Amino acid sequence: MCPEKCRLFGDDVEKPSIAFNHYRIYGTLLLLVIGACVLIGIRFVTKIAPLSLFAVLISMLAIYAGVIKSSFSPPDLP
């Protein structure tokens, strides 16, 4: 499960109580790493959100402009 240097709770890793303590440490470290990734992702999203909102608003305005233009002069479709 782990090299000799990282055995924190004893040498007998086959005992359930010692293995459980190792799993708790590994789980805590994994939780911290995943939390850091989420935090970085949230910061990235909040910085990019205004640009994305602007792009969506421009797209919506272009759609409405096309609908209004087509209502006054419909296209000639074959």
C-alpha atoms as a PDB file:
ATOM      1  CA  MET A   1       0.000   0.000   0.000  1.00  0.00           C
ATOM      2  CA  CYS A   2       2.751   2.426   0.875  1.00  0.00           C
ATOM      3  CA  PRO A   3       6.552   2.429   0.850  1.00  0.00           C
ATOM      4  CA  GLU A   4       8.377   1.949   4.132  1.00  0.00           C
ATOM      5  CA  LYS A   5       8.959   5.676   4.659  1.00  0.00           C
ATOM      6  CA  CYS A   6       5.313   6.746   4.717  1.00  0.00           C
ATOM      7  CA  ARG A   7       3.953   4.262   7.243  1.00  0.00           C
ATOM      8  CA  LEU A   8       2.739   6.587   9.954  1.00  0.00           C
ATOM      9  CA  PHE A   9       0.830   4.251  12.275  1.00  0.00           C
ATOM     10  CA  GLY A  10       2.983   1.159  12.473  1.00  0.00           C
ATOM     11  CA  ASP A  11       4.528  -1.531  10.339  1.00  0.00           C
ATOM     12  CA  ASP A  12       1.667  -4.033  10.352  1.00  0.00           C
ATOM     13  CA  VAL A  13      -0.522  -2.555   7.602  1.00  0.00           C
ATOM     14  CA  GLU A  14      -2.600  -5.733   7.457  1.00  0.00           C
ATOM     15  CA  LYS A  15      -4.372  -4.812  10.705  1.00  0.00           C
ATOM     16  CA  PRO A  16      -7.680  -3.113   9.932  1.00  0.00           C
ATOM     17  CA  SER A  17      -7.209  -0.330  12.490  1.00  0.00           C
ATOM     18  CA  ILE A  18      -3.795   0.681  11.113  1.00  0.00           C
ATOM     19  CA  ALA A  19      -5.014   0.449   7.507  1.00  0.00           C
ATOM     20  CA  PHE A  20      -8.057   2.550   8.437  1.00  0.00           C
ATOM     21  CA  ASN A  21      -5.809   5.285   9.847  1.00  0.00           C
ATOM     22  CA  HIS A  22      -3.774   5.281   6.633  1.00  0.00           C
ATOM     23  CA  TYR A  23      -6.952   5.543   4.564  1.00  0.00           C
ATOM     24  CA  ARG A  24      -8.078   8.496   6.666  1.00  0.00           C
ATOM     25  CA  ILE A  25      -4.817  10.344   5.980  1.00  0.00           C
ATOM     26  CA  TYR A  26      -4.941   9.520   2.254  1.00  0.00           C
ATOM     27  CA  GLY A  27      -8.599  10.589   2.091  1.00  0.00           C
ATOM     28  CA  THR A  28      -7.852  13.882   3.836  1.00  0.00           C
ATOM     29  CA  LEU A  29      -5.006  14.655   1.449  1.00  0.00           C
ATOM     30  CA  LEU A  30      -7.149  13.779  -1.556  1.00  0.00           C
ATOM     31  CA  LEU A  31      -9.963  15.976  -0.213  1.00  0.00           C
ATOM     32  CA  LEU A  32      -7.571  18.922   0.154  1.00  0.00           C
ATOM     33  CA  VAL A  33      -6.255  18.489  -3.387  1.00  0.00           C
ATOM     34  CA  ILE A  34      -9.764  18.280  -4.853  1.00  0.00           C
ATOM     35  CA  GLY A  35     -10.846  21.302  -2.796  1.00  0.00           C
ATOM     36  CA  ALA A  36      -7.919  23.311  -4.153  1.00  0.00           C
ATOM     37  CA  CYS A  37      -8.891  22.353  -7.717  1.00  0.00           C
ATOM     38  CA  VAL A  38     -12.474  23.479  -7.107  1.00  0.00           C
ATOM     39  CA  LEU A  39     -11.297  26.760  -5.583  1.00  0.00           C
ATOM     40  CA  ILE A  40      -9.070  27.460  -8.586  1.00  0.00           C
ATOM     41  CA  GLY A  41     -11.942  26.583 -10.914  1.00  0.00           C
ATOM     42  CA  ILE A  42     -14.341  28.932  -9.114  1.00  0.00           C
ATOM     43  CA  ARG A  43     -11.853  31.791  -9.341  1.00  0.00           C
ATOM     44  CA  PHE A  44     -11.345  31.110 -13.037  1.00  0.00           C
ATOM     45  CA  VAL A  45     -15.090  31.021 -13.722  1.00  0.00           C
ATOM     46  CA  THR A  46     -15.735  34.284 -11.874  1.00  0.00           C
ATOM     47  CA  LYS A  47     -13.056  36.022 -13.947  1.00  0.00           C
ATOM     48  CA  ILE A  48     -14.402  34.702 -17.262  1.00  0.00           C
ATOM     49  CA  ALA A  49     -18.132  35.110 -16.449  1.00  0.00           C
ATOM     50  CA  PRO A  50     -18.535  38.754 -17.606  1.00  0.00           C
ATOM     51  CA  LEU A  51     -16.960  37.949 -20.980  1.00  0.00           C
ATOM     52  CA  SER A  52     -19.243  34.941 -21.436  1.00  0.00           C
ATOM     53  CA  LEU A  53     -22.292  36.993 -20.434  1.00  0.00           C
ATOM     54  CA  PHE A  54     -21.371  39.648 -23.003  1.00  0.00           C
ATOM     55  CA  ALA A  55     -21.066  36.998 -25.719  1.00  0.00           C
ATOM     56  CA  VAL A  56     -24.473  35.528 -24.833  1.00  0.00           C
ATOM     57  CA  LEU A  57     -26.139  38.949 -24.834  1.00  0.00           C
ATOM     58  CA  ILE A  58     -24.643  39.810 -28.236  1.00  0.00           C
ATOM     59  CA  SER A  59     -25.872  36.457 -29.600  1.00  0.00           C
ATOM     60  CA  MET A  60     -29.389  37.071 -28.292  1.00  0.00           C
ATOM     61  CA  LEU A  61     -29.456  40.575 -29.774  1.00  0.00           C
ATOM     62  CA  ALA A  62     -28.302  39.192 -33.135  1.00  0.00           C
ATOM     63  CA  ILE A  63     -31.100  36.600 -33.100  1.00  0.00           C
ATOM     64  CA  TYR A  64     -33.738  39.225 -32.293  1.00  0.00           C
ATOM     65  CA  ALA A  65     -32.344  41.547 -34.973  1.00  0.00           C
ATOM     66  CA  GLY A  66     -32.605  38.720 -37.515  1.00  0.00           C
ATOM     67  CA  VAL A  67     -36.193  37.970 -36.504  1.00  0.00           C
ATOM     68  CA  ILE A  68     -37.194  41.623 -36.797  1.00  0.00           C
ATOM     69  CA  LYS A  69     -35.457  42.017 -40.171  1.00  0.00           C
ATOM     70  CA  SER A  70     -37.077  38.833 -41.509  1.00  0.00           C
ATOM     71  CA  SER A  71     -40.512  39.979 -40.410  1.00  0.00           C
ATOM     72  CA  PHE A  72     -40.252  43.145 -42.546  1.00  0.00           C
ATOM     73  CA  SER A  73     -38.540  41.606 -45.566  1.00  0.00           C
ATOM     74  CA  PRO A  74     -38.824  37.799 -45.664  1.00  0.00           C
ATOM     75  CA  PRO A  75     -36.057  35.969 -47.509  1.00  0.00           C
ATOM     76  CA  ASP A  76     -36.742  34.420 -50.920  1.00  0.00           C
ATOM     77  CA  LEU A  77     -36.273  30.707 -50.341  1.00  0.00           C
ATOM     78  CA  PRO A  78     -36.362  28.364 -53.378  1.00  0.00           C
END
